[in-house]
PDB file of all heavy atoms in Angstrom:
ATOM      1  N   VAL A   1    -142.808  53.658 -96.530  1.00  0.00           N
ATOM      2  CA  VAL A   1    -143.374  53.343 -95.212  1.00  0.00           C
ATOM      3  C   VAL A   1    -143.279  51.845 -94.954  1.00  0.00           C
ATOM      4  O   VAL A   1    -142.963  51.410 -93.833  1.00  0.00           O
ATOM      5  CB  VAL A   1    -144.838  53.836 -95.119  1.00  0.00           C
ATOM      6  CG1 VAL A   1    -145.484  53.350 -93.818  1.00  0.00           C
ATOM      7  CG2 VAL A   1    -144.895  55.359 -95.189  1.00  0.00           C
ATOM      8  N   ALA A   2    -143.529  51.045 -95.974  1.00  0.00           N
ATOM      9  CA  ALA A   2    -143.457  49.590 -95.804  1.00  0.00           C
ATOM     10  C   ALA A   2    -142.064  49.162 -95.339  1.00  0.00           C
ATOM     11  O   ALA A   2    -141.920  48.305 -94.444  1.00  0.00           O
ATOM     12  CB  ALA A   2    -143.818  48.897 -97.118  1.00  0.00           C
ATOM     13  N   LYS A   3    -141.031  49.749 -95.917  1.00  0.00           N
ATOM     14  CA  LYS A   3    -139.656  49.382 -95.560  1.00  0.00           C
ATOM     15  C   LYS A   3    -139.341  49.711 -94.107  1.00  0.00           C
ATOM     16  O   LYS A   3    -138.712  48.918 -93.390  1.00  0.00           O
ATOM     17  CB  LYS A   3    -138.676  50.118 -96.478  1.00  0.00           C
ATOM     18  CG  LYS A   3    -138.779  49.741 -97.944  1.00  0.00           C
ATOM     19  CD  LYS A   3    -137.909  50.656 -98.804  1.00  0.00           C
ATOM     20  CE  LYS A   3    -138.107  50.390-100.289  1.00  0.00           C
ATOM     21  NZ  LYS A   3    -137.320  51.336-101.118  1.00  0.00           N
ATOM     22  N   VAL A   4    -139.766  50.892 -93.657  1.00  0.00           N
ATOM     23  CA  VAL A   4    -139.460  51.309 -92.285  1.00  0.00           C
ATOM     24  C   VAL A   4    -140.363  50.588 -91.288  1.00  0.00           C
ATOM     25  O   VAL A   4    -139.925  50.219 -90.189  1.00  0.00           O
ATOM     26  CB  VAL A   4    -139.579  52.845 -92.160  1.00  0.00           C
ATOM     27  CG1 VAL A   4    -139.339  53.299 -90.726  1.00  0.00           C
ATOM     28  CG2 VAL A   4    -138.584  53.520 -93.099  1.00  0.00           C
ATOM     29  N   ALA A   5    -141.626  50.371 -91.666  1.00  0.00           N
ATOM     30  CA  ALA A   5    -142.540  49.643 -90.771  1.00  0.00           C
ATOM     31  C   ALA A   5    -142.027  48.233 -90.507  1.00  0.00           C
ATOM     32  O   ALA A   5    -142.073  47.736 -89.366  1.00  0.00           O
ATOM     33  CB  ALA A   5    -143.940  49.603 -91.381  1.00  0.00           C
ATOM     34  N   HIS A   6    -141.516  47.579 -91.549  1.00  0.00           N
ATOM     35  CA  HIS A   6    -141.003  46.216 -91.371  1.00  0.00           C
ATOM     36  C   HIS A   6    -139.776  46.215 -90.467  1.00  0.00           C
ATOM     37  O   HIS A   6    -139.620  45.334 -89.608  1.00  0.00           O
ATOM     38  CB  HIS A   6    -140.667  45.604 -92.731  1.00  0.00           C
ATOM     39  CG  HIS A   6    -140.437  44.126 -92.674  1.00  0.00           C
ATOM     40  ND1 HIS A   6    -139.182  43.560 -92.575  1.00  0.00           N
ATOM     41  CD2 HIS A   6    -141.312  43.086 -92.666  1.00  0.00           C
ATOM     42  CE1 HIS A   6    -139.286  42.245 -92.520  1.00  0.00           C
ATOM     43  NE2 HIS A   6    -140.566  41.916 -92.592  1.00  0.00           N
ATOM     44  N   ALA A   7    -138.919  47.231 -90.624  1.00  0.00           N
ATOM     45  CA  ALA A   7    -137.738  47.323 -89.767  1.00  0.00           C
ATOM     46  C   ALA A   7    -138.129  47.553 -88.311  1.00  0.00           C
ATOM     47  O   ALA A   7    -137.542  46.967 -87.392  1.00  0.00           O
ATOM     48  CB  ALA A   7    -136.828  48.443 -90.253  1.00  0.00           C
ATOM     49  N   LEU A   8    -139.122  48.389 -88.085  1.00  0.00           N
ATOM     50  CA  LEU A   8    -139.596  48.626 -86.717  1.00  0.00           C
ATOM     51  C   LEU A   8    -140.200  47.356 -86.126  1.00  0.00           C
ATOM     52  O   LEU A   8    -139.989  47.040 -84.943  1.00  0.00           O
ATOM     53  CB  LEU A   8    -140.629  49.754 -86.709  1.00  0.00           C
ATOM     54  CG  LEU A   8    -140.108  51.175 -86.934  1.00  0.00           C
ATOM     55  CD1 LEU A   8    -141.262  52.157 -87.093  1.00  0.00           C
ATOM     56  CD2 LEU A   8    -139.207  51.623 -85.783  1.00  0.00           C
ATOM     57  N   LYS A   9    -140.937  46.638 -86.936  1.00  0.00           N
ATOM     58  CA  LYS A   9    -141.546  45.392 -86.454  1.00  0.00           C
ATOM     59  C   LYS A   9    -140.470  44.381 -86.077  1.00  0.00           C
ATOM     60  O   LYS A   9    -140.591  43.657 -85.064  1.00  0.00           O
ATOM     61  CB  LYS A   9    -142.472  44.821 -87.522  1.00  0.00           C
ATOM     62  CG  LYS A   9    -143.362  43.702 -87.023  1.00  0.00           C
ATOM     63  CD  LYS A   9    -144.411  43.327 -88.061  1.00  0.00           C
ATOM     64  CE  LYS A   9    -145.378  42.280 -87.510  1.00  0.00           C
ATOM     65  NZ  LYS A   9    -146.438  41.958 -88.494  1.00  0.00           N
ATOM     66  N   GLN A  10    -139.390  44.338 -86.857  1.00  0.00           N
ATOM     67  CA  GLN A  10    -138.286  43.431 -86.553  1.00  0.00           C
ATOM     68  C   GLN A  10    -137.613  43.793 -85.231  1.00  0.00           C
ATOM     69  O   GLN A  10    -137.062  42.925 -84.547  1.00  0.00           O
ATOM     70  CB  GLN A  10    -137.255  43.470 -87.683  1.00  0.00           C
ATOM     71  CG  GLN A  10    -137.727  42.852 -88.991  1.00  0.00           C
ATOM     72  CD  GLN A  10    -138.015  41.369 -88.858  1.00  0.00           C
ATOM     73  OE1 GLN A  10    -139.177  40.944 -88.812  1.00  0.00           O
ATOM     74  NE2 GLN A  10    -136.958  40.572 -88.766  1.00  0.00           N
ATOM     75  N   LEU A  11    -137.685  45.075 -84.871  1.00  0.00           N
ATOM     76  CA  LEU A  11    -137.144  45.514 -83.579  1.00  0.00           C
ATOM     77  C   LEU A  11    -138.044  45.120 -82.413  1.00  0.00           C
ATOM     78  O   LEU A  11    -137.652  45.256 -81.259  1.00  0.00           O
ATOM     79  CB  LEU A  11    -136.989  47.039 -83.566  1.00  0.00           C
ATOM     80  CG  LEU A  11    -135.749  47.656 -84.187  1.00  0.00           C
ATOM     81  CD1 LEU A  11    -135.821  49.175 -84.069  1.00  0.00           C
ATOM     82  CD2 LEU A  11    -134.474  47.146 -83.517  1.00  0.00           C
ATOM     83  N   GLY A  12    -139.252  44.706 -82.720  1.00  0.00           N
ATOM     84  CA  GLY A  12    -140.190  44.353 -81.667  1.00  0.00           C
ATOM     85  C   GLY A  12    -141.143  45.470 -81.292  1.00  0.00           C
ATOM     86  O   GLY A  12    -141.811  45.395 -80.251  1.00  0.00           O
ATOM     87  N   VAL A  13    -141.220  46.504 -82.114  1.00  0.00           N
ATOM     88  CA  VAL A  13    -142.165  47.592 -81.838  1.00  0.00           C
ATOM     89  C   VAL A  13    -143.581  47.069 -81.985  1.00  0.00           C
ATOM     90  O   VAL A  13    -143.930  46.431 -82.989  1.00  0.00           O
ATOM     91  CB  VAL A  13    -141.922  48.784 -82.793  1.00  0.00           C
ATOM     92  CG1 VAL A  13    -143.018  49.836 -82.631  1.00  0.00           C
ATOM     93  CG2 VAL A  13    -140.554  49.391 -82.523  1.00  0.00           C
ATOM     94  N   LYS A  14    -144.408  47.348 -80.981  1.00  0.00           N
ATOM     95  CA  LYS A  14    -145.767  46.817 -80.949  1.00  0.00           C
ATOM     96  C   LYS A  14    -146.736  47.926 -80.541  1.00  0.00           C
ATOM     97  O   LYS A  14    -146.319  49.027 -80.151  1.00  0.00           O
ATOM     98  CB  LYS A  14    -145.851  45.646 -79.975  1.00  0.00           C
ATOM     99  CG  LYS A  14    -145.472  45.991 -78.549  1.00  0.00           C
ATOM    100  CD  LYS A  14    -145.418  44.759 -77.675  1.00  0.00           C
ATOM    101  CE  LYS A  14    -145.146  45.108 -76.214  1.00  0.00           C
ATOM    102  NZ  LYS A  14    -143.867  45.834 -76.029  1.00  0.00           N
ATOM    103  N   PRO A  15    -148.048  47.668 -80.638  1.00  0.00           N
ATOM    104  CA  PRO A  15    -149.028  48.702 -80.264  1.00  0.00           C
ATOM    105  C   PRO A  15    -148.779  49.251 -78.860  1.00  0.00           C
ATOM    106  O   PRO A  15    -148.544  48.491 -77.914  1.00  0.00           O
ATOM    107  CB  PRO A  15    -150.362  47.958 -80.346  1.00  0.00           C
ATOM    108  CG  PRO A  15    -150.144  46.922 -81.400  1.00  0.00           C
ATOM    109  CD  PRO A  15    -148.721  46.470 -81.195  1.00  0.00           C
ATOM    110  N   GLY A  16    -148.812  50.561 -78.756  1.00  0.00           N
ATOM    111  CA  GLY A  16    -148.611  51.224 -77.467  1.00  0.00           C
ATOM    112  C   GLY A  16    -147.195  51.664 -77.200  1.00  0.00           C
ATOM    113  O   GLY A  16    -146.965  52.537 -76.347  1.00  0.00           O
ATOM    114  N   ASP A  17    -146.206  51.070 -77.896  1.00  0.00           N
ATOM    115  CA  ASP A  17    -144.828  51.536 -77.756  1.00  0.00           C
ATOM    116  C   ASP A  17    -144.722  52.964 -78.285  1.00  0.00           C
ATOM    117  O   ASP A  17    -145.431  53.352 -79.209  1.00  0.00           O
ATOM    118  CB  ASP A  17    -143.861  50.644 -78.543  1.00  0.00           C
ATOM    119  CG  ASP A  17    -143.627  49.304 -77.871  1.00  0.00           C
ATOM    120  OD1 ASP A  17    -143.938  49.174 -76.670  1.00  0.00           O
ATOM    121  OD2 ASP A  17    -143.149  48.381 -78.557  1.00  0.00           O
ATOM    122  N   ARG A  18    -143.803  53.723 -77.702  1.00  0.00           N
ATOM    123  CA  ARG A  18    -143.608  55.079 -78.192  1.00  0.00           C
ATOM    124  C   ARG A  18    -142.409  55.130 -79.139  1.00  0.00           C
ATOM    125  O   ARG A  18    -141.359  54.551 -78.859  1.00  0.00           O
ATOM    126  CB  ARG A  18    -143.371  56.071 -77.036  1.00  0.00           C
ATOM    127  CG  ARG A  18    -144.671  56.545 -76.406  1.00  0.00           C
ATOM    128  CD  ARG A  18    -145.279  55.512 -75.492  1.00  0.00           C
ATOM    129  NE  ARG A  18    -144.399  55.192 -74.365  1.00  0.00           N
ATOM    130  CZ  ARG A  18    -144.384  54.019 -73.746  1.00  0.00           C
ATOM    131  NH1 ARG A  18    -145.185  53.038 -74.130  1.00  0.00           N
ATOM    132  NH2 ARG A  18    -143.559  53.815 -72.710  1.00  0.00           N
ATOM    133  N   VAL A  19    -142.622  55.830 -80.246  1.00  0.00           N
ATOM    134  CA  VAL A  19    -141.575  56.094 -81.226  1.00  0.00           C
ATOM    135  C   VAL A  19    -141.507  57.606 -81.389  1.00  0.00           C
ATOM    136  O   VAL A  19    -142.532  58.262 -81.600  1.00  0.00           O
ATOM    137  CB  VAL A  19    -141.868  55.404 -82.569  1.00  0.00           C
ATOM    138  CG1 VAL A  19    -140.838  55.801 -83.617  1.00  0.00           C
ATOM    139  CG2 VAL A  19    -141.898  53.885 -82.395  1.00  0.00           C
ATOM    140  N   ALA A  20    -140.298  58.167 -81.292  1.00  0.00           N
ATOM    141  CA  ALA A  20    -140.163  59.626 -81.262  1.00  0.00           C
ATOM    142  C   ALA A  20    -139.291  60.121 -82.410  1.00  0.00           C
ATOM    143  O   ALA A  20    -138.472  59.382 -82.963  1.00  0.00           O
ATOM    144  CB  ALA A  20    -139.576  60.078 -79.922  1.00  0.00           C
ATOM    145  N   GLY A  21    -139.495  61.395 -82.744  1.00  0.00           N
ATOM    146  CA  GLY A  21    -138.695  62.037 -83.773  1.00  0.00           C
ATOM    147  C   GLY A  21    -138.106  63.341 -83.266  1.00  0.00           C
ATOM    148  O   GLY A  21    -138.812  64.159 -82.678  1.00  0.00           O
ATOM    149  N   PHE A  22    -136.818  63.518 -83.491  1.00  0.00           N
ATOM    150  CA  PHE A  22    -136.121  64.793 -83.236  1.00  0.00           C
ATOM    151  C   PHE A  22    -135.687  65.264 -84.614  1.00  0.00           C
ATOM    152  O   PHE A  22    -134.549  65.116 -85.023  1.00  0.00           O
ATOM    153  CB  PHE A  22    -134.932  64.547 -82.298  1.00  0.00           C
ATOM    154  CG  PHE A  22    -134.136  65.770 -81.938  1.00  0.00           C
ATOM    155  CD1 PHE A  22    -134.741  66.889 -81.396  1.00  0.00           C
ATOM    156  CD2 PHE A  22    -132.757  65.794 -82.121  1.00  0.00           C
ATOM    157  CE1 PHE A  22    -133.991  68.014 -81.055  1.00  0.00           C
ATOM    158  CE2 PHE A  22    -131.995  66.904 -81.779  1.00  0.00           C
ATOM    159  CZ  PHE A  22    -132.625  68.018 -81.252  1.00  0.00           C
ATOM    160  N   MET A  23    -136.655  65.824 -85.350  1.00  0.00           N
ATOM    161  CA  MET A  23    -136.528  65.883 -86.799  1.00  0.00           C
ATOM    162  C   MET A  23    -136.894  67.232 -87.396  1.00  0.00           C
ATOM    163  O   MET A  23    -137.824  67.899 -86.930  1.00  0.00           O
ATOM    164  CB  MET A  23    -137.472  64.834 -87.415  1.00  0.00           C
ATOM    165  CG  MET A  23    -137.054  63.395 -87.179  1.00  0.00           C
ATOM    166  SD  MET A  23    -135.635  62.926 -88.204  1.00  0.00           S
ATOM    167  CE  MET A  23    -136.375  62.948 -89.825  1.00  0.00           C
ATOM    168  N   PRO A  24    -136.188  67.623 -88.474  1.00  0.00           N
ATOM    169  CA  PRO A  24    -136.686  68.710 -89.312  1.00  0.00           C
ATOM    170  C   PRO A  24    -137.940  68.252 -90.057  1.00  0.00           C
ATOM    171  O   PRO A  24    -138.334  67.079 -89.970  1.00  0.00           O
ATOM    172  CB  PRO A  24    -135.525  68.964 -90.293  1.00  0.00           C
ATOM    173  CG  PRO A  24    -134.363  68.185 -89.778  1.00  0.00           C
ATOM    174  CD  PRO A  24    -134.917  67.071 -88.957  1.00  0.00           C
ATOM    175  N   ASN A  25    -138.529  69.162 -90.815  1.00  0.00           N
ATOM    176  CA  ASN A  25    -139.764  68.865 -91.546  1.00  0.00           C
ATOM    177  C   ASN A  25    -139.426  68.198 -92.882  1.00  0.00           C
ATOM    178  O   ASN A  25    -139.606  68.770 -93.955  1.00  0.00           O
ATOM    179  CB  ASN A  25    -140.552  70.159 -91.757  1.00  0.00           C
ATOM    180  CG  ASN A  25    -141.939  69.908 -92.299  1.00  0.00           C
ATOM    181  OD1 ASN A  25    -142.416  68.784 -92.332  1.00  0.00           O
ATOM    182  ND2 ASN A  25    -142.591  70.971 -92.746  1.00  0.00           N
ATOM    183  N   LEU A  26    -138.946  66.974 -92.796  1.00  0.00           N
ATOM    184  CA  LEU A  26    -138.497  66.217 -93.960  1.00  0.00           C
ATOM    185  C   LEU A  26    -139.528  65.170 -94.365  1.00  0.00           C
ATOM    186  O   LEU A  26    -140.338  64.735 -93.537  1.00  0.00           O
ATOM    187  CB  LEU A  26    -137.178  65.490 -93.647  1.00  0.00           C
ATOM    188  CG  LEU A  26    -136.008  66.320 -93.127  1.00  0.00           C
ATOM    189  CD1 LEU A  26    -134.818  65.405 -92.824  1.00  0.00           C
ATOM    190  CD2 LEU A  26    -135.621  67.382 -94.145  1.00  0.00           C
ATOM    191  N   PRO A  27    -139.482  64.682 -95.598  1.00  0.00           N
ATOM    192  CA  PRO A  27    -140.343  63.553 -95.966  1.00  0.00           C
ATOM    193  C   PRO A  27    -140.111  62.336 -95.081  1.00  0.00           C
ATOM    194  O   PRO A  27    -141.054  61.596 -94.776  1.00  0.00           O
ATOM    195  CB  PRO A  27    -139.934  63.273 -97.420  1.00  0.00           C
ATOM    196  CG  PRO A  27    -139.426  64.573 -97.937  1.00  0.00           C
ATOM    197  CD  PRO A  27    -138.743  65.222 -96.766  1.00  0.00           C
ATOM    198  N   GLN A  28    -138.864  62.130 -94.651  1.00  0.00           N
ATOM    199  CA  GLN A  28    -138.566  60.968 -93.800  1.00  0.00           C
ATOM    200  C   GLN A  28    -139.301  61.042 -92.461  1.00  0.00           C
ATOM    201  O   GLN A  28    -139.578  60.006 -91.851  1.00  0.00           O
ATOM    202  CB  GLN A  28    -137.056  60.860 -93.556  1.00  0.00           C
ATOM    203  CG  GLN A  28    -136.253  60.480 -94.792  1.00  0.00           C
ATOM    204  CD  GLN A  28    -135.773  61.686 -95.570  1.00  0.00           C
ATOM    205  OE1 GLN A  28    -136.397  62.751 -95.512  1.00  0.00           O
ATOM    206  NE2 GLN A  28    -134.666  61.540 -96.292  1.00  0.00           N
ATOM    207  N   THR A  29    -139.610  62.255 -92.004  1.00  0.00           N
ATOM    208  CA  THR A  29    -140.366  62.391 -90.761  1.00  0.00           C
ATOM    209  C   THR A  29    -141.773  61.836 -90.950  1.00  0.00           C
ATOM    210  O   THR A  29    -142.306  61.129 -90.080  1.00  0.00           O
ATOM    211  CB  THR A  29    -140.436  63.863 -90.329  1.00  0.00           C
ATOM    212  OG1 THR A  29    -139.144  64.455 -90.448  1.00  0.00           O
ATOM    213  CG2 THR A  29    -140.918  63.980 -88.895  1.00  0.00           C
ATOM    214  N   VAL A  30    -142.378  62.153 -92.079  1.00  0.00           N
ATOM    215  CA  VAL A  30    -143.714  61.623 -92.386  1.00  0.00           C
ATOM    216  C   VAL A  30    -143.655  60.103 -92.513  1.00  0.00           C
ATOM    217  O   VAL A  30    -144.520  59.384 -91.979  1.00  0.00           O
ATOM    218  CB  VAL A  30    -144.251  62.258 -93.686  1.00  0.00           C
ATOM    219  CG1 VAL A  30    -145.627  61.683 -94.021  1.00  0.00           C
ATOM    220  CG2 VAL A  30    -144.319  63.775 -93.567  1.00  0.00           C
ATOM    221  N   VAL A  31    -142.637  59.603 -93.192  1.00  0.00           N
ATOM    222  CA  VAL A  31    -142.488  58.156 -93.367  1.00  0.00           C
ATOM    223  C   VAL A  31    -142.357  57.458 -92.014  1.00  0.00           C
ATOM    224  O   VAL A  31    -143.017  56.434 -91.748  1.00  0.00           O
ATOM    225  CB  VAL A  31    -141.271  57.839 -94.259  1.00  0.00           C
ATOM    226  CG1 VAL A  31    -140.968  56.344 -94.263  1.00  0.00           C
ATOM    227  CG2 VAL A  31    -141.519  58.335 -95.682  1.00  0.00           C
ATOM    228  N   ALA A  32    -141.522  57.999 -91.144  1.00  0.00           N
ATOM    229  CA  ALA A  32    -141.314  57.383 -89.827  1.00  0.00           C
ATOM    230  C   ALA A  32    -142.600  57.377 -89.013  1.00  0.00           C
ATOM    231  O   ALA A  32    -142.930  56.378 -88.352  1.00  0.00           O
ATOM    232  CB  ALA A  32    -140.204  58.121 -89.079  1.00  0.00           C
ATOM    233  N   MET A  33    -143.334  58.490 -89.033  1.00  0.00           N
ATOM    234  CA  MET A  33    -144.598  58.552 -88.293  1.00  0.00           C
ATOM    235  C   MET A  33    -145.584  57.517 -88.823  1.00  0.00           C
ATOM    236  O   MET A  33    -146.222  56.788 -88.047  1.00  0.00           O
ATOM    237  CB  MET A  33    -145.197  59.953 -88.394  1.00  0.00           C
ATOM    238  CG  MET A  33    -146.524  60.120 -87.659  1.00  0.00           C
ATOM    239  SD  MET A  33    -147.992  59.590 -88.600  1.00  0.00           S
ATOM    240  CE  MET A  33    -148.100  60.902 -89.820  1.00  0.00           C
ATOM    241  N   LEU A  34    -145.731  57.430 -90.138  1.00  0.00           N
ATOM    242  CA  LEU A  34    -146.691  56.480 -90.709  1.00  0.00           C
ATOM    243  C   LEU A  34    -146.258  55.044 -90.446  1.00  0.00           C
ATOM    244  O   LEU A  34    -147.108  54.173 -90.183  1.00  0.00           O
ATOM    245  CB  LEU A  34    -146.833  56.734 -92.208  1.00  0.00           C
ATOM    246  CG  LEU A  34    -147.533  58.045 -92.595  1.00  0.00           C
ATOM    247  CD1 LEU A  34    -147.423  58.294 -94.093  1.00  0.00           C
ATOM    248  CD2 LEU A  34    -149.002  58.023 -92.163  1.00  0.00           C
ATOM    249  N   ALA A  35    -144.968  54.789 -90.505  1.00  0.00           N
ATOM    250  CA  ALA A  35    -144.482  53.436 -90.213  1.00  0.00           C
ATOM    251  C   ALA A  35    -144.787  53.046 -88.773  1.00  0.00           C
ATOM    252  O   ALA A  35    -145.257  51.932 -88.495  1.00  0.00           O
ATOM    253  CB  ALA A  35    -142.981  53.361 -90.481  1.00  0.00           C
ATOM    254  N   ALA A  36    -144.510  53.953 -87.844  1.00  0.00           N
ATOM    255  CA  ALA A  36    -144.772  53.670 -86.424  1.00  0.00           C
ATOM    256  C   ALA A  36    -146.258  53.451 -86.172  1.00  0.00           C
ATOM    257  O   ALA A  36    -146.655  52.485 -85.507  1.00  0.00           O
ATOM    258  CB  ALA A  36    -144.236  54.813 -85.563  1.00  0.00           C
ATOM    259  N   THR A  37    -147.090  54.338 -86.703  1.00  0.00           N
ATOM    260  CA  THR A  37    -148.523  54.244 -86.408  1.00  0.00           C
ATOM    261  C   THR A  37    -149.187  53.102 -87.169  1.00  0.00           C
ATOM    262  O   THR A  37    -150.239  52.623 -86.753  1.00  0.00           O
ATOM    263  CB  THR A  37    -149.225  55.579 -86.707  1.00  0.00           C
ATOM    264  OG1 THR A  37    -149.001  55.960 -88.071  1.00  0.00           O
ATOM    265  CG2 THR A  37    -148.701  56.678 -85.798  1.00  0.00           C
ATOM    266  N   SER A  38    -148.573  52.646 -88.257  1.00  0.00           N
ATOM    267  CA  SER A  38    -149.131  51.467 -88.932  1.00  0.00           C
ATOM    268  C   SER A  38    -149.098  50.249 -88.021  1.00  0.00           C
ATOM    269  O   SER A  38    -149.932  49.344 -88.133  1.00  0.00           O
ATOM    270  CB  SER A  38    -148.363  51.178 -90.229  1.00  0.00           C
ATOM    271  OG  SER A  38    -147.087  50.606 -89.965  1.00  0.00           O
ATOM    272  N   LEU A  39    -148.122  50.234 -87.101  1.00  0.00           N
ATOM    273  CA  LEU A  39    -147.981  49.130 -86.138  1.00  0.00           C
ATOM    274  C   LEU A  39    -148.770  49.372 -84.855  1.00  0.00           C
ATOM    275  O   LEU A  39    -148.793  48.510 -83.976  1.00  0.00           O
ATOM    276  CB  LEU A  39    -146.508  48.947 -85.780  1.00  0.00           C
ATOM    277  CG  LEU A  39    -145.544  48.656 -86.936  1.00  0.00           C
ATOM    278  CD1 LEU A  39    -144.107  48.655 -86.437  1.00  0.00           C
ATOM    279  CD2 LEU A  39    -145.882  47.332 -87.604  1.00  0.00           C
TER     280      LEU A  39
END
């Protein structure tokens, strides 16, 4: 989650921005959600 959260932050993702998933039920889906919501 730390790795993906930092990458999202570098993109300029900030509170209130929407991050979406078109995803199967993979571990990476959980990681992406936690990374987005950590920000």
